[in-house]
C-alpha cells in the first residue's frame, strides 16, 4: 500500500505531496530552473513530516527526479 503525505508549506497551506510536486515542476518549467535550482528553492519550503523526512536523508547528493519518485 502506498502512503501519501501532505506537505505543509511555510505559508501554512496544506497540500498533497502530488499537488506540491506538480506545482514545483510547473514553476520550474515556467522559469526555466535547472535541477539544482529546484532542489535549492523547493526543499527548504517543507515542514512537518516532509521536513523530517528531508532532514533525515543520509546524503544531500540526489536528483530532483529521485525526490519526485519518493513515496512522500
N, C-alpha and C. Protein backbone atom coordinates (compact mmCIF):
# COMPACT_ATOMS: atom_id res chain seq x y z
N UNK A 1 0.84 -1.17 0.00
CA UNK A 1 0.00 0.00 0.00
C UNK A 1 0.89 1.24 0.00
N UNK A 2 0.61 2.13 -0.89
CA UNK A 2 1.38 3.36 -1.00
C UNK A 2 0.74 4.41 -0.08
N UNK A 3 1.56 4.97 0.77
CA UNK A 3 1.09 6.03 1.64
C UNK A 3 1.47 7.37 1.02
N UNK A 4 0.62 8.34 1.18
CA UNK A 4 0.95 9.67 0.69
C UNK A 4 1.04 10.61 1.88
N UNK A 5 1.79 11.65 1.70
CA UNK A 5 1.99 12.61 2.76
C UNK A 5 1.49 13.97 2.31
N UNK A 6 0.87 14.67 3.19
CA UNK A 6 0.53 16.05 2.92
C UNK A 6 1.71 16.91 3.32
N UNK A 7 1.92 17.97 2.60
CA UNK A 7 3.05 18.85 2.85
C UNK A 7 2.51 20.20 3.30
N UNK A 8 3.00 20.66 4.43
CA UNK A 8 2.60 21.97 4.89
C UNK A 8 3.71 22.94 4.54
N UNK A 9 3.38 23.92 3.75
CA UNK A 9 4.34 24.91 3.33
C UNK A 9 4.44 26.00 4.39
N UNK A 10 5.49 26.82 4.29
CA UNK A 10 5.68 27.89 5.26
C UNK A 10 4.47 28.80 5.37
N UNK A 11 3.71 28.92 4.30
CA UNK A 11 2.53 29.77 4.34
C UNK A 11 1.36 29.06 5.01
N UNK A 12 1.61 27.87 5.56
CA UNK A 12 0.63 27.08 6.31
C UNK A 12 -0.50 26.52 5.45
N UNK A 13 -0.24 26.39 4.18
CA UNK A 13 -1.22 25.78 3.28
C UNK A 13 -0.93 24.29 3.21
N UNK A 14 -1.92 23.48 3.50
CA UNK A 14 -1.75 22.04 3.46
C UNK A 14 -2.09 21.54 2.06
N UNK A 15 -1.13 20.91 1.41
CA UNK A 15 -1.34 20.36 0.07
C UNK A 15 -0.84 18.92 0.04
N UNK A 16 -1.36 18.14 -0.88
CA UNK A 16 -0.86 16.77 -1.02
C UNK A 16 0.53 16.81 -1.64
N UNK A 17 1.30 15.78 -1.40
CA UNK A 17 2.64 15.70 -1.98
C UNK A 17 2.57 15.76 -3.50
N UNK A 18 1.59 15.09 -4.08
CA UNK A 18 1.46 15.08 -5.54
C UNK A 18 1.18 16.48 -6.08
N UNK A 19 0.29 17.23 -5.40
CA UNK A 19 0.00 18.59 -5.83
C UNK A 19 1.21 19.50 -5.67
N UNK A 20 1.92 19.34 -4.58
CA UNK A 20 3.13 20.14 -4.33
C UNK A 20 4.17 19.89 -5.41
N UNK A 21 4.41 18.62 -5.73
CA UNK A 21 5.39 18.29 -6.77
C UNK A 21 4.96 18.86 -8.13
N UNK A 22 3.67 18.76 -8.44
CA UNK A 22 3.17 19.31 -9.69
C UNK A 22 3.40 20.82 -9.75
N UNK A 23 3.11 21.52 -8.68
CA UNK A 23 3.31 22.97 -8.64
C UNK A 23 4.79 23.34 -8.79
N UNK A 24 5.63 22.59 -8.13
CA UNK A 24 7.07 22.86 -8.23
C UNK A 24 7.53 22.62 -9.66
N UNK A 25 7.12 21.51 -10.25
CA UNK A 25 7.54 21.21 -11.63
C UNK A 25 7.00 22.23 -12.63
N UNK A 26 5.77 22.68 -12.44
CA UNK A 26 5.21 23.71 -13.32
C UNK A 26 5.99 25.01 -13.19
N UNK A 27 6.28 25.42 -11.96
CA UNK A 27 7.04 26.65 -11.72
C UNK A 27 8.44 26.54 -12.32
N UNK A 28 9.07 25.39 -12.15
CA UNK A 28 10.40 25.18 -12.71
C UNK A 28 10.39 25.30 -14.22
N UNK A 29 9.35 24.78 -14.85
CA UNK A 29 9.25 24.87 -16.31
C UNK A 29 9.03 26.31 -16.76
N UNK A 30 8.16 27.03 -16.06
CA UNK A 30 7.88 28.42 -16.41
C UNK A 30 9.14 29.28 -16.32
N UNK A 31 9.91 29.08 -15.24
CA UNK A 31 11.08 29.92 -15.00
C UNK A 31 12.38 29.31 -15.50
N UNK A 32 12.26 28.16 -16.15
CA UNK A 32 13.43 27.51 -16.74
C UNK A 32 14.51 27.18 -15.71
N UNK A 33 14.07 26.69 -14.53
CA UNK A 33 15.01 26.33 -13.48
C UNK A 33 15.77 25.07 -13.86
N UNK A 34 17.01 25.03 -13.47
CA UNK A 34 17.82 23.82 -13.58
C UNK A 34 17.54 22.95 -12.36
N UNK A 35 17.95 21.70 -12.42
CA UNK A 35 17.64 20.75 -11.35
C UNK A 35 18.14 21.22 -9.98
N UNK A 36 19.34 21.71 -9.90
CA UNK A 36 19.88 22.15 -8.61
C UNK A 36 19.12 23.36 -8.06
N UNK A 37 18.60 24.21 -8.95
CA UNK A 37 17.78 25.34 -8.51
C UNK A 37 16.47 24.85 -7.90
N UNK A 38 15.89 23.84 -8.51
CA UNK A 38 14.64 23.28 -7.99
C UNK A 38 14.87 22.76 -6.58
N UNK A 39 15.92 21.97 -6.40
CA UNK A 39 16.22 21.41 -5.09
C UNK A 39 16.48 22.52 -4.08
N UNK A 40 17.28 23.49 -4.46
CA UNK A 40 17.65 24.58 -3.57
C UNK A 40 16.44 25.43 -3.17
N UNK A 41 15.53 25.67 -4.10
CA UNK A 41 14.39 26.54 -3.83
C UNK A 41 13.19 25.81 -3.22
N UNK A 42 12.99 24.56 -3.58
CA UNK A 42 11.77 23.86 -3.17
C UNK A 42 11.88 23.16 -1.81
N UNK A 43 12.95 22.45 -1.58
CA UNK A 43 13.01 21.61 -0.38
C UNK A 43 13.01 22.39 0.93
N UNK A 44 13.61 23.57 1.01
CA UNK A 44 13.51 24.32 2.27
C UNK A 44 12.09 24.77 2.61
N UNK A 45 11.17 24.67 1.69
CA UNK A 45 9.77 25.05 1.93
C UNK A 45 8.99 23.97 2.67
N UNK A 46 9.60 22.80 2.86
CA UNK A 46 8.92 21.71 3.53
C UNK A 46 8.78 21.99 5.02
N UNK A 47 7.74 21.40 5.61
CA UNK A 47 7.60 21.46 7.06
C UNK A 47 6.90 20.19 7.52
N UNK A 48 6.80 20.00 8.80
CA UNK A 48 6.13 18.82 9.34
C UNK A 48 6.87 17.54 9.00
N UNK A 49 6.09 16.49 8.69
CA UNK A 49 6.68 15.19 8.38
C UNK A 49 7.58 15.22 7.15
N UNK A 50 7.19 16.03 6.17
CA UNK A 50 8.02 16.12 4.97
C UNK A 50 9.38 16.72 5.29
N UNK A 51 9.42 17.70 6.17
CA UNK A 51 10.69 18.30 6.59
C UNK A 51 11.52 17.29 7.37
N UNK A 52 10.88 16.53 8.24
CA UNK A 52 11.62 15.49 8.99
C UNK A 52 12.20 14.45 8.04
N UNK A 53 11.44 14.08 7.01
CA UNK A 53 11.96 13.14 6.02
C UNK A 53 13.21 13.72 5.36
N UNK A 54 13.11 14.97 4.91
CA UNK A 54 14.23 15.61 4.22
C UNK A 54 15.45 15.74 5.14
N UNK A 55 15.23 16.17 6.36
CA UNK A 55 16.35 16.34 7.29
C UNK A 55 16.97 15.00 7.69
N UNK A 56 16.21 13.92 7.54
CA UNK A 56 16.71 12.60 7.89
C UNK A 56 17.49 11.90 6.77
N UNK A 57 17.56 12.52 5.60
CA UNK A 57 18.30 11.91 4.50
C UNK A 57 19.77 11.79 4.85
N UNK A 58 20.37 10.69 4.50
CA UNK A 58 21.78 10.45 4.79
C UNK A 58 22.69 11.30 3.93
N UNK A 59 22.22 11.72 2.77
CA UNK A 59 23.03 12.48 1.83
C UNK A 59 22.16 13.54 1.17
N UNK A 60 22.79 14.62 0.77
CA UNK A 60 22.07 15.65 0.00
C UNK A 60 22.47 15.59 -1.47
N UNK A 61 23.18 14.55 -1.83
CA UNK A 61 23.60 14.36 -3.22
C UNK A 61 22.57 13.48 -3.92
N UNK A 62 21.52 14.12 -4.43
CA UNK A 62 20.45 13.40 -5.10
C UNK A 62 19.90 14.23 -6.23
N UNK A 63 19.06 13.64 -7.04
CA UNK A 63 18.44 14.35 -8.16
C UNK A 63 17.01 14.72 -7.79
N UNK A 64 16.47 15.71 -8.48
CA UNK A 64 15.07 16.08 -8.26
C UNK A 64 14.16 14.94 -8.66
N UNK A 65 14.52 14.23 -9.70
CA UNK A 65 13.71 13.08 -10.15
C UNK A 65 13.60 12.05 -9.03
N UNK A 66 14.69 11.80 -8.31
CA UNK A 66 14.64 10.82 -7.22
C UNK A 66 13.74 11.31 -6.08
N UNK A 67 13.71 12.61 -5.83
CA UNK A 67 12.82 13.16 -4.82
C UNK A 67 11.37 12.99 -5.27
N UNK A 68 11.10 13.31 -6.51
CA UNK A 68 9.75 13.23 -7.04
C UNK A 68 9.21 11.80 -7.06
N UNK A 69 10.09 10.82 -7.14
CA UNK A 69 9.67 9.41 -7.14
C UNK A 69 9.48 8.86 -5.74
N UNK A 70 9.95 9.57 -4.73
CA UNK A 70 9.85 9.11 -3.34
C UNK A 70 8.39 9.04 -2.91
N UNK A 71 8.07 8.06 -2.12
CA UNK A 71 6.71 7.94 -1.58
C UNK A 71 6.57 8.89 -0.42
N UNK A 72 6.34 10.16 -0.72
CA UNK A 72 6.14 11.14 0.36
C UNK A 72 4.83 10.89 1.06
